[in-house]
Amino acid sequence: MKITYLGHSGTVVELTESILVFDYYKGSVPSWPVGKKVYVFVSHIHFDHYNPEIFCWERQISDITYILSDDILEDSVPVDCRSRVRFVGARKTVQIDEMTIKTLRSTDEGVAFFVHAEGKRIYHAGDLHWWHWKEEGAIFNEMMRRKYQGEIKKLSKETIDLAFLPADPRQEEAYVWGMAYFLEQVEVKRVCPIHLWGKYDVCRQLKEEACLEAYQDRIVLVTREGEVFEWED
């Protein structure tokens, strides 16, 4: 399994026979290997997760499928690409080719994706996260906590090979709460932080968090856009 961190929440996962692209917003995608199927996932409509430029890739790739959260309007999809698009809502299970996709309901907009492909289980959170903002007050923050924990518990019996989890530096000390809770509830082999807003010091900070001490060997240290990580297992 090979991953390329595109920037913010954008990632590419390359498997033996397919390529999965999640939440492309900006950055340079790697060259598309000939003969591999490409699946492009968009978790929701926010500008930092959805760039309509993805539909230009259809001109270069003969076998490409778009899996879009259903909060994205069909009118934003070029007419000649619509036959390649599958819209999905929250808490659904869909089968596309040999791939099974389950969705969770985001605590913000859209969905999170849990994908079974080629024997691998990959989770991309999108904006499903424990959003805690001091300025929002106790009622809002308690609601966010309950909604987030309720969704993540749906994965508590799963084993995930790779999870892309937010670590948003704007949340100050609360940036780590969502990741820590996820790792307490779900067996995860590797974690790649996302939603970083270009603040890569956050990844180093994760390595120093006491609540993540038991998971340090699982956390991928992202340092820049375009960084590539590869594993044999």
C-alpha atoms as a PDB file:
ATOM      1  CA  MET A   1       0.000   0.000   0.000  1.00  0.00           C
ATOM      2  CA  LYS A   2       1.303   3.381  -1.022  1.00  0.00           C
ATOM      3  CA  ILE A   3      -0.136   6.730   0.035  1.00  0.00           C
ATOM      4  CA  THR A   4       0.536  10.229  -1.186  1.00  0.00           C
ATOM      5  CA  TYR A   5      -0.441  13.130   1.031  1.00  0.00           C
ATOM      6  CA  LEU A   6      -1.754  15.817  -1.320  1.00  0.00           C
ATOM      7  CA  GLY A   7      -2.425  18.485   1.291  1.00  0.00           C
ATOM      8  CA  HIS A   8      -5.036  19.322   3.937  1.00  0.00           C
ATOM      9  CA  SER A   9      -7.401  16.302   3.755  1.00  0.00           C
ATOM     10  CA  GLY A  10      -6.456  15.207   0.247  1.00  0.00           C
ATOM     11  CA  THR A  11      -4.837  11.794  -0.048  1.00  0.00           C
ATOM     12  CA  VAL A  12      -4.138   9.109  -2.642  1.00  0.00           C
ATOM     13  CA  VAL A  13      -4.025   5.414  -1.758  1.00  0.00           C
ATOM     14  CA  GLU A  14      -2.499   3.140  -4.374  1.00  0.00           C
ATOM     15  CA  LEU A  15      -3.279  -0.567  -4.168  1.00  0.00           C
ATOM     16  CA  THR A  16      -2.295  -3.395  -6.497  1.00  0.00           C
ATOM     17  CA  GLU A  17      -5.161  -2.949  -8.936  1.00  0.00           C
ATOM     18  CA  SER A  18      -6.753   0.358  -7.999  1.00  0.00           C
ATOM     19  CA  ILE A  19      -6.172   3.911  -6.832  1.00  0.00           C
ATOM     20  CA  LEU A  20      -8.367   5.675  -4.288  1.00  0.00           C
ATOM     21  CA  VAL A  21      -8.325   9.473  -4.135  1.00  0.00           C
ATOM     22  CA  PHE A  22      -9.955  11.174  -1.164  1.00  0.00           C
ATOM     23  CA  ASP A  23     -11.062  14.804  -0.791  1.00  0.00           C
ATOM     24  CA  TYR A  24      -8.802  16.412  -3.383  1.00  0.00           C
ATOM     25  CA  TYR A  25      -8.639  20.145  -2.764  1.00  0.00           C
ATOM     26  CA  LYS A  26      -5.257  21.205  -4.081  1.00  0.00           C
ATOM     27  CA  GLY A  27      -1.791  19.860  -4.783  1.00  0.00           C
ATOM     28  CA  SER A  28      -0.286  17.690  -7.482  1.00  0.00           C
ATOM     29  CA  VAL A  29      -1.660  14.203  -7.955  1.00  0.00           C
ATOM     30  CA  PRO A  30       0.872  11.490  -8.835  1.00  0.00           C
ATOM     31  CA  SER A  31       1.026  10.060 -12.333  1.00  0.00           C
ATOM     32  CA  TRP A  32      -1.816   7.652 -12.988  1.00  0.00           C
ATOM     33  CA  PRO A  33      -0.423   4.127 -13.556  1.00  0.00           C
ATOM     34  CA  VAL A  34      -1.756   2.558 -16.733  1.00  0.00           C
ATOM     35  CA  GLY A  35      -4.314  -0.195 -16.236  1.00  0.00           C
ATOM     36  CA  LYS A  36      -5.457   0.673 -12.724  1.00  0.00           C
ATOM     37  CA  LYS A  37      -8.999   1.660 -11.844  1.00  0.00           C
ATOM     38  CA  VAL A  38      -9.315   5.071 -10.198  1.00  0.00           C
ATOM     39  CA  TYR A  39     -11.966   5.855  -7.597  1.00  0.00           C
ATOM     40  CA  VAL A  40     -12.385   9.469  -6.509  1.00  0.00           C
ATOM     41  CA  PHE A  41     -14.135  10.080  -3.174  1.00  0.00           C
ATOM     42  CA  VAL A  42     -15.540  13.414  -2.009  1.00  0.00           C
ATOM     43  CA  SER A  43     -16.867  13.500   1.550  1.00  0.00           C
ATOM     44  CA  HIS A  44     -18.789  16.779   1.260  1.00  0.00           C
ATOM     45  CA  ILE A  45     -19.168  20.050  -0.568  1.00  0.00           C
ATOM     46  CA  HIS A  46     -16.863  22.311   1.475  1.00  0.00           C
ATOM     47  CA  PHE A  47     -14.248  24.009  -0.703  1.00  0.00           C
ATOM     48  CA  ASP A  48     -11.366  22.456   1.237  1.00  0.00           C
ATOM     49  CA  HIS A  49     -12.630  18.950   0.407  1.00  0.00           C
ATOM     50  CA  TYR A  50     -14.208  19.348  -3.032  1.00  0.00           C
ATOM     51  CA  ASN A  51     -12.525  20.781  -6.102  1.00  0.00           C
ATOM     52  CA  PRO A  52     -14.484  20.325  -9.367  1.00  0.00           C
ATOM     53  CA  GLU A  53     -11.115  20.033 -11.093  1.00  0.00           C
ATOM     54  CA  ILE A  54     -11.398  16.306 -10.369  1.00  0.00           C
ATOM     55  CA  PHE A  55     -13.740  15.962 -13.324  1.00  0.00           C
ATOM     56  CA  CYS A  56     -10.940  16.950 -15.691  1.00  0.00           C
ATOM     57  CA  TRP A  57      -9.208  13.671 -14.786  1.00  0.00           C
ATOM     58  CA  GLU A  58     -11.852  11.815 -16.782  1.00  0.00           C
ATOM     59  CA  ARG A  59     -10.077  12.951 -19.954  1.00  0.00           C
ATOM     60  CA  GLN A  60      -6.878  11.163 -18.911  1.00  0.00           C
ATOM     61  CA  ILE A  61      -8.249   8.014 -17.254  1.00  0.00           C
ATOM     62  CA  SER A  62     -10.377   5.485 -19.092  1.00  0.00           C
ATOM     63  CA  ASP A  63     -11.621   3.715 -15.959  1.00  0.00           C
ATOM     64  CA  ILE A  64     -12.582   6.299 -13.351  1.00  0.00           C
ATOM     65  CA  THR A  65     -15.507   6.415 -10.933  1.00  0.00           C
ATOM     66  CA  TYR A  66     -16.543   9.293  -8.671  1.00  0.00           C
ATOM     67  CA  ILE A  67     -18.153   8.574  -5.301  1.00  0.00           C
ATOM     68  CA  LEU A  68     -19.653  11.814  -4.027  1.00  0.00           C
ATOM     69  CA  SER A  69     -21.536  12.677  -0.864  1.00  0.00           C
ATOM     70  CA  ASP A  70     -25.133  13.492  -1.735  1.00  0.00           C
ATOM     71  CA  ASP A  71     -24.886  17.025  -0.339  1.00  0.00           C
ATOM     72  CA  ILE A  72     -23.033  17.838  -3.577  1.00  0.00           C
ATOM     73  CA  LEU A  73     -25.392  19.103  -6.261  1.00  0.00           C
ATOM     74  CA  GLU A  74     -25.566  17.139  -9.494  1.00  0.00           C
ATOM     75  CA  ASP A  75     -25.505  20.468 -11.347  1.00  0.00           C
ATOM     76  CA  SER A  76     -21.880  20.927 -10.245  1.00  0.00           C
ATOM     77  CA  VAL A  77     -20.916  17.770 -12.163  1.00  0.00           C
ATOM     78  CA  PRO A  78     -20.206  18.214 -15.884  1.00  0.00           C
ATOM     79  CA  VAL A  79     -22.869  16.505 -17.979  1.00  0.00           C
ATOM     80  CA  ASP A  80     -20.363  14.232 -19.734  1.00  0.00           C
ATOM     81  CA  CYS A  81     -19.102  12.927 -16.332  1.00  0.00           C
ATOM     82  CA  ARG A  82     -22.449  12.160 -14.714  1.00  0.00           C
ATOM     83  CA  SER A  83     -22.544   8.560 -15.887  1.00  0.00           C
ATOM     84  CA  ARG A  84     -19.355   7.979 -13.890  1.00  0.00           C
ATOM     85  CA  VAL A  85     -20.734   9.433 -10.634  1.00  0.00           C
ATOM     86  CA  ARG A  86     -22.309   7.584  -7.708  1.00  0.00           C
ATOM     87  CA  PHE A  87     -23.911   9.749  -5.019  1.00  0.00           C
ATOM     88  CA  VAL A  88     -24.057   8.301  -1.494  1.00  0.00           C
ATOM     89  CA  GLY A  89     -25.749   9.420   1.677  1.00  0.00           C
ATOM     90  CA  ALA A  90     -24.879   8.798   5.293  1.00  0.00           C
ATOM     91  CA  ARG A  91     -25.142   5.370   6.909  1.00  0.00           C
ATOM     92  CA  LYS A  92     -25.325   3.512   3.635  1.00  0.00           C
ATOM     93  CA  THR A  93     -23.505   0.505   2.194  1.00  0.00           C
ATOM     94  CA  VAL A  94     -22.828   0.363  -1.532  1.00  0.00           C
ATOM     95  CA  GLN A  95     -20.950  -2.043  -3.754  1.00  0.00           C
ATOM     96  CA  ILE A  96     -18.928  -0.652  -6.658  1.00  0.00           C
ATOM     97  CA  ASP A  97     -17.051  -3.237  -8.699  1.00  0.00           C
ATOM     98  CA  GLU A  98     -15.218  -5.382  -6.127  1.00  0.00           C
ATOM     99  CA  MET A  99     -15.185  -2.604  -3.529  1.00  0.00           C
ATOM    100  CA  THR A 100     -17.556  -2.206  -0.578  1.00  0.00           C
ATOM    101  CA  ILE A 101     -18.143   1.299   0.759  1.00  0.00           C
ATOM    102  CA  LYS A 102     -19.838   2.082   4.049  1.00  0.00           C
ATOM    103  CA  THR A 103     -20.587   5.649   5.078  1.00  0.00           C
ATOM    104  CA  LEU A 104     -20.967   7.316   8.441  1.00  0.00           C
ATOM    105  CA  ARG A 105     -22.767  10.585   9.147  1.00  0.00           C
ATOM    106  CA  SER A 106     -20.444  13.549   9.545  1.00  0.00           C
ATOM    107  CA  THR A 107     -20.649  15.852  12.537  1.00  0.00           C
ATOM    108  CA  ASP A 108     -20.357  18.696  10.028  1.00  0.00           C
ATOM    109  CA  GLU A 109     -21.374  18.122   6.400  1.00  0.00           C
ATOM    110  CA  GLY A 110     -21.591  14.978   4.294  1.00  0.00           C
ATOM    111  CA  VAL A 111     -20.110  11.598   5.152  1.00  0.00           C
ATOM    112  CA  ALA A 112     -17.069   9.648   6.238  1.00  0.00           C
ATOM    113  CA  PHE A 113     -15.961   6.691   4.097  1.00  0.00           C
ATOM    114  CA  PHE A 114     -15.051   3.191   5.263  1.00  0.00           C
ATOM    115  CA  VAL A 115     -13.786   1.304   2.223  1.00  0.00           C
ATOM    116  CA  HIS A 116     -13.006  -2.404   1.778  1.00  0.00           C
ATOM    117  CA  ALA A 117     -10.825  -2.824  -1.299  1.00  0.00           C
ATOM    118  CA  GLU A 118      -8.354  -5.540  -2.299  1.00  0.00           C
ATOM    119  CA  GLY A 119      -8.289  -6.965   1.191  1.00  0.00           C
ATOM    120  CA  LYS A 120      -7.572  -3.568   2.779  1.00  0.00           C
ATOM    121  CA  ARG A 121      -9.828  -1.553   5.043  1.00  0.00           C
ATOM    122  CA  ILE A 122      -9.389   2.182   4.690  1.00  0.00           C
ATOM    123  CA  TYR A 123     -11.201   4.919   6.595  1.00  0.00           C
ATOM    124  CA  HIS A 124     -11.333   8.580   5.586  1.00  0.00           C
ATOM    125  CA  ALA A 125     -13.076  10.827   8.082  1.00  0.00           C
ATOM    126  CA  GLY A 126     -13.841  13.827   5.889  1.00  0.00           C
ATOM    127  CA  ASP A 127     -15.249  16.210   8.497  1.00  0.00           C
ATOM    128  CA  LEU A 128     -16.512  13.532  10.881  1.00  0.00           C
ATOM    129  CA  HIS A 129     -14.623  14.730  13.910  1.00  0.00           C
ATOM    130  CA  TRP A 130     -15.005  15.783  17.532  1.00  0.00           C
ATOM    131  CA  TRP A 131     -15.432  19.484  16.788  1.00  0.00           C
ATOM    132  CA  HIS A 132     -14.960  21.447  19.989  1.00  0.00           C
ATOM    133  CA  TRP A 133     -14.868  25.241  19.818  1.00  0.00           C
ATOM    134  CA  LYS A 134     -14.584  27.389  22.946  1.00  0.00           C
ATOM    135  CA  GLU A 135     -16.670  30.155  21.394  1.00  0.00           C
ATOM    136  CA  GLU A 136     -19.631  27.819  20.764  1.00  0.00           C
ATOM    137  CA  GLY A 137     -20.420  27.108  24.394  1.00  0.00           C
ATOM    138  CA  ALA A 138     -21.241  24.014  26.435  1.00  0.00           C
ATOM    139  CA  ILE A 139     -24.481  22.911  24.747  1.00  0.00           C
ATOM    140  CA  PHE A 140     -23.010  22.861  21.238  1.00  0.00           C
ATOM    141  CA  ASN A 141     -19.801  21.164  22.342  1.00  0.00           C
ATOM    142  CA  GLU A 142     -21.627  18.470  24.289  1.00  0.00           C
ATOM    143  CA  MET A 143     -23.804  17.770  21.256  1.00  0.00           C
ATOM    144  CA  MET A 144     -20.685  17.430  19.095  1.00  0.00           C
ATOM    145  CA  ARG A 145     -19.119  15.024  21.574  1.00  0.00           C
ATOM    146  CA  ARG A 146     -22.201  12.787  21.654  1.00  0.00           C
ATOM    147  CA  LYS A 147     -22.643  12.757  17.877  1.00  0.00           C
ATOM    148  CA  TYR A 148     -18.994  11.992  17.224  1.00  0.00           C
ATOM    149  CA  GLN A 149     -18.710   9.234  19.779  1.00  0.00           C
ATOM    150  CA  GLY A 150     -21.979   7.686  18.598  1.00  0.00           C
ATOM    151  CA  GLU A 151     -20.740   7.415  15.014  1.00  0.00           C
ATOM    152  CA  ILE A 152     -17.295   6.080  15.891  1.00  0.00           C
ATOM    153  CA  LYS A 153     -18.765   3.351  18.088  1.00  0.00           C
ATOM    154  CA  LYS A 154     -20.271   1.905  14.898  1.00  0.00           C
ATOM    155  CA  LEU A 155     -16.704   0.928  13.939  1.00  0.00           C
ATOM    156  CA  SER A 156     -15.709  -0.486  17.307  1.00  0.00           C
ATOM    157  CA  LYS A 157     -15.641  -4.101  16.076  1.00  0.00           C
ATOM    158  CA  GLU A 158     -13.614  -3.316  12.961  1.00  0.00           C
ATOM    159  CA  THR A 159      -9.911  -3.621  12.231  1.00  0.00           C
ATOM    160  CA  ILE A 160      -8.716  -0.813   9.955  1.00  0.00           C
ATOM    161  CA  ASP A 161      -5.475  -0.922   8.001  1.00  0.00           C
ATOM    162  CA  LEU A 162      -5.250   2.832   7.422  1.00  0.00           C
ATOM    163  CA  ALA A 163      -7.293   5.664   8.918  1.00  0.00           C
ATOM    164  CA  PHE A 164      -7.158   9.294   7.841  1.00  0.00           C
ATOM    165  CA  LEU A 165      -8.159  11.281  10.923  1.00  0.00           C
ATOM    166  CA  PRO A 166      -8.404  15.066  11.449  1.00  0.00           C
ATOM    167  CA  ALA A 167      -5.970  16.886  13.728  1.00  0.00           C
ATOM    168  CA  ASP A 168      -7.134  20.459  13.185  1.00  0.00           C
ATOM    169  CA  PRO A 169      -4.736  22.968  14.802  1.00  0.00           C
ATOM    170  CA  ARG A 170      -7.467  25.621  15.087  1.00  0.00           C
ATOM    171  CA  GLN A 171      -9.016  23.616  17.930  1.00  0.00           C
ATOM    172  CA  GLU A 172      -6.079  24.299  20.238  1.00  0.00           C
ATOM    173  CA  GLU A 173      -5.865  21.600  22.934  1.00  0.00           C
ATOM    174  CA  ALA A 174      -9.024  19.882  21.625  1.00  0.00           C
ATOM    175  CA  TYR A 175      -7.349  19.047  18.299  1.00  0.00           C
ATOM    176  CA  VAL A 176      -6.346  15.600  19.570  1.00  0.00           C
ATOM    177  CA  TRP A 177      -9.557  14.506  21.268  1.00  0.00           C
ATOM    178  CA  GLY A 178     -11.155  12.976  18.185  1.00  0.00           C
ATOM    179  CA  MET A 179      -8.093  10.956  17.231  1.00  0.00           C
ATOM    180  CA  ALA A 180      -7.541   9.715  20.780  1.00  0.00           C
ATOM    181  CA  TYR A 181     -11.153   8.575  21.095  1.00  0.00           C
ATOM    182  CA  PHE A 182     -11.065   6.850  17.696  1.00  0.00           C
ATOM    183  CA  LEU A 183      -7.928   4.890  18.599  1.00  0.00           C
ATOM    184  CA  GLU A 184      -9.407   3.878  21.949  1.00  0.00           C
ATOM    185  CA  GLN A 185     -12.505   2.462  20.227  1.00  0.00           C
ATOM    186  CA  VAL A 186     -11.199   1.013  16.963  1.00  0.00           C
ATOM    187  CA  GLU A 187      -8.267  -1.265  16.131  1.00  0.00           C
ATOM    188  CA  VAL A 188      -6.167   0.724  13.644  1.00  0.00           C
ATOM    189  CA  LYS A 189      -2.830  -0.317  12.165  1.00  0.00           C
ATOM    190  CA  ARG A 190      -1.819   3.112  10.830  1.00  0.00           C
ATOM    191  CA  VAL A 191      -3.108   6.655  11.210  1.00  0.00           C
ATOM    192  CA  CYS A 192      -2.431   9.512   8.817  1.00  0.00           C
ATOM    193  CA  PRO A 193      -3.362  12.946  10.220  1.00  0.00           C
ATOM    194  CA  ILE A 194      -5.414  15.200   7.927  1.00  0.00           C
ATOM    195  CA  HIS A 195      -7.199  18.573   8.014  1.00  0.00           C
ATOM    196  CA  LEU A 196      -3.898  20.178   8.925  1.00  0.00           C
ATOM    197  CA  TRP A 197      -4.224  23.563   7.145  1.00  0.00           C
ATOM    198  CA  GLY A 198      -0.525  23.328   6.273  1.00  0.00           C
ATOM    199  CA  LYS A 199       0.497  23.276   9.956  1.00  0.00           C
ATOM    200  CA  TYR A 200       2.772  20.244   9.906  1.00  0.00           C
ATOM    201  CA  ASP A 201       4.138  20.925  13.378  1.00  0.00           C
ATOM    202  CA  VAL A 202       0.829  19.474  14.554  1.00  0.00           C
ATOM    203  CA  CYS A 203       2.020  16.015  13.474  1.00  0.00           C
ATOM    204  CA  ARG A 204       5.133  16.328  15.600  1.00  0.00           C
ATOM    205  CA  GLN A 205       2.966  17.534  18.462  1.00  0.00           C
ATOM    206  CA  LEU A 206       0.847  14.386  18.176  1.00  0.00           C
ATOM    207  CA  LYS A 207       3.986  12.396  18.887  1.00  0.00           C
ATOM    208  CA  GLU A 208       4.233  14.105  22.277  1.00  0.00           C
ATOM    209  CA  GLU A 209       0.617  13.729  23.422  1.00  0.00           C
ATOM    210  CA  ALA A 210       0.252  11.575  26.523  1.00  0.00           C
ATOM    211  CA  CYS A 211      -3.199  10.377  25.410  1.00  0.00           C
ATOM    212  CA  LEU A 212      -1.602   8.912  22.268  1.00  0.00           C
ATOM    213  CA  GLU A 213       1.394   7.304  23.964  1.00  0.00           C
ATOM    214  CA  ALA A 214       0.144   3.784  23.277  1.00  0.00           C
ATOM    215  CA  TYR A 215      -0.321   4.497  19.566  1.00  0.00           C
ATOM    216  CA  GLN A 216       2.858   6.347  18.619  1.00  0.00           C
ATOM    217  CA  ASP A 217       4.161   3.624  16.308  1.00  0.00           C
ATOM    218  CA  ARG A 218       0.943   3.832  14.281  1.00  0.00           C
ATOM    219  CA  ILE A 219       0.953   7.569  13.549  1.00  0.00           C
ATOM    220  CA  VAL A 220       2.374   8.666  10.192  1.00  0.00           C
ATOM    221  CA  LEU A 221       4.530  11.781  10.523  1.00  0.00           C
ATOM    222  CA  VAL A 222       3.412  14.044   7.670  1.00  0.00           C
ATOM    223  CA  THR A 223       5.817  16.903   6.974  1.00  0.00           C
ATOM    224  CA  ARG A 224       4.805  18.374   3.592  1.00  0.00           C
ATOM    225  CA  GLU A 225       2.475  18.268   0.620  1.00  0.00           C
ATOM    226  CA  GLY A 226       3.281  15.529  -1.869  1.00  0.00           C
ATOM    227  CA  GLU A 227       4.946  13.289   0.710  1.00  0.00           C
ATOM    228  CA  VAL A 228       4.829   9.562  -0.101  1.00  0.00           C
ATOM    229  CA  PHE A 229       4.643   6.640   2.315  1.00  0.00           C
ATOM    230  CA  GLU A 230       4.795   2.980   1.317  1.00  0.00           C
ATOM    231  CA  TRP A 231       4.374  -0.315   3.185  1.00  0.00           C
ATOM    232  CA  GLU A 232       4.651  -3.934   2.130  1.00  0.00           C
ATOM    233  CA  ASP A 233       1.894  -5.312   4.384  1.00  0.00           C
END
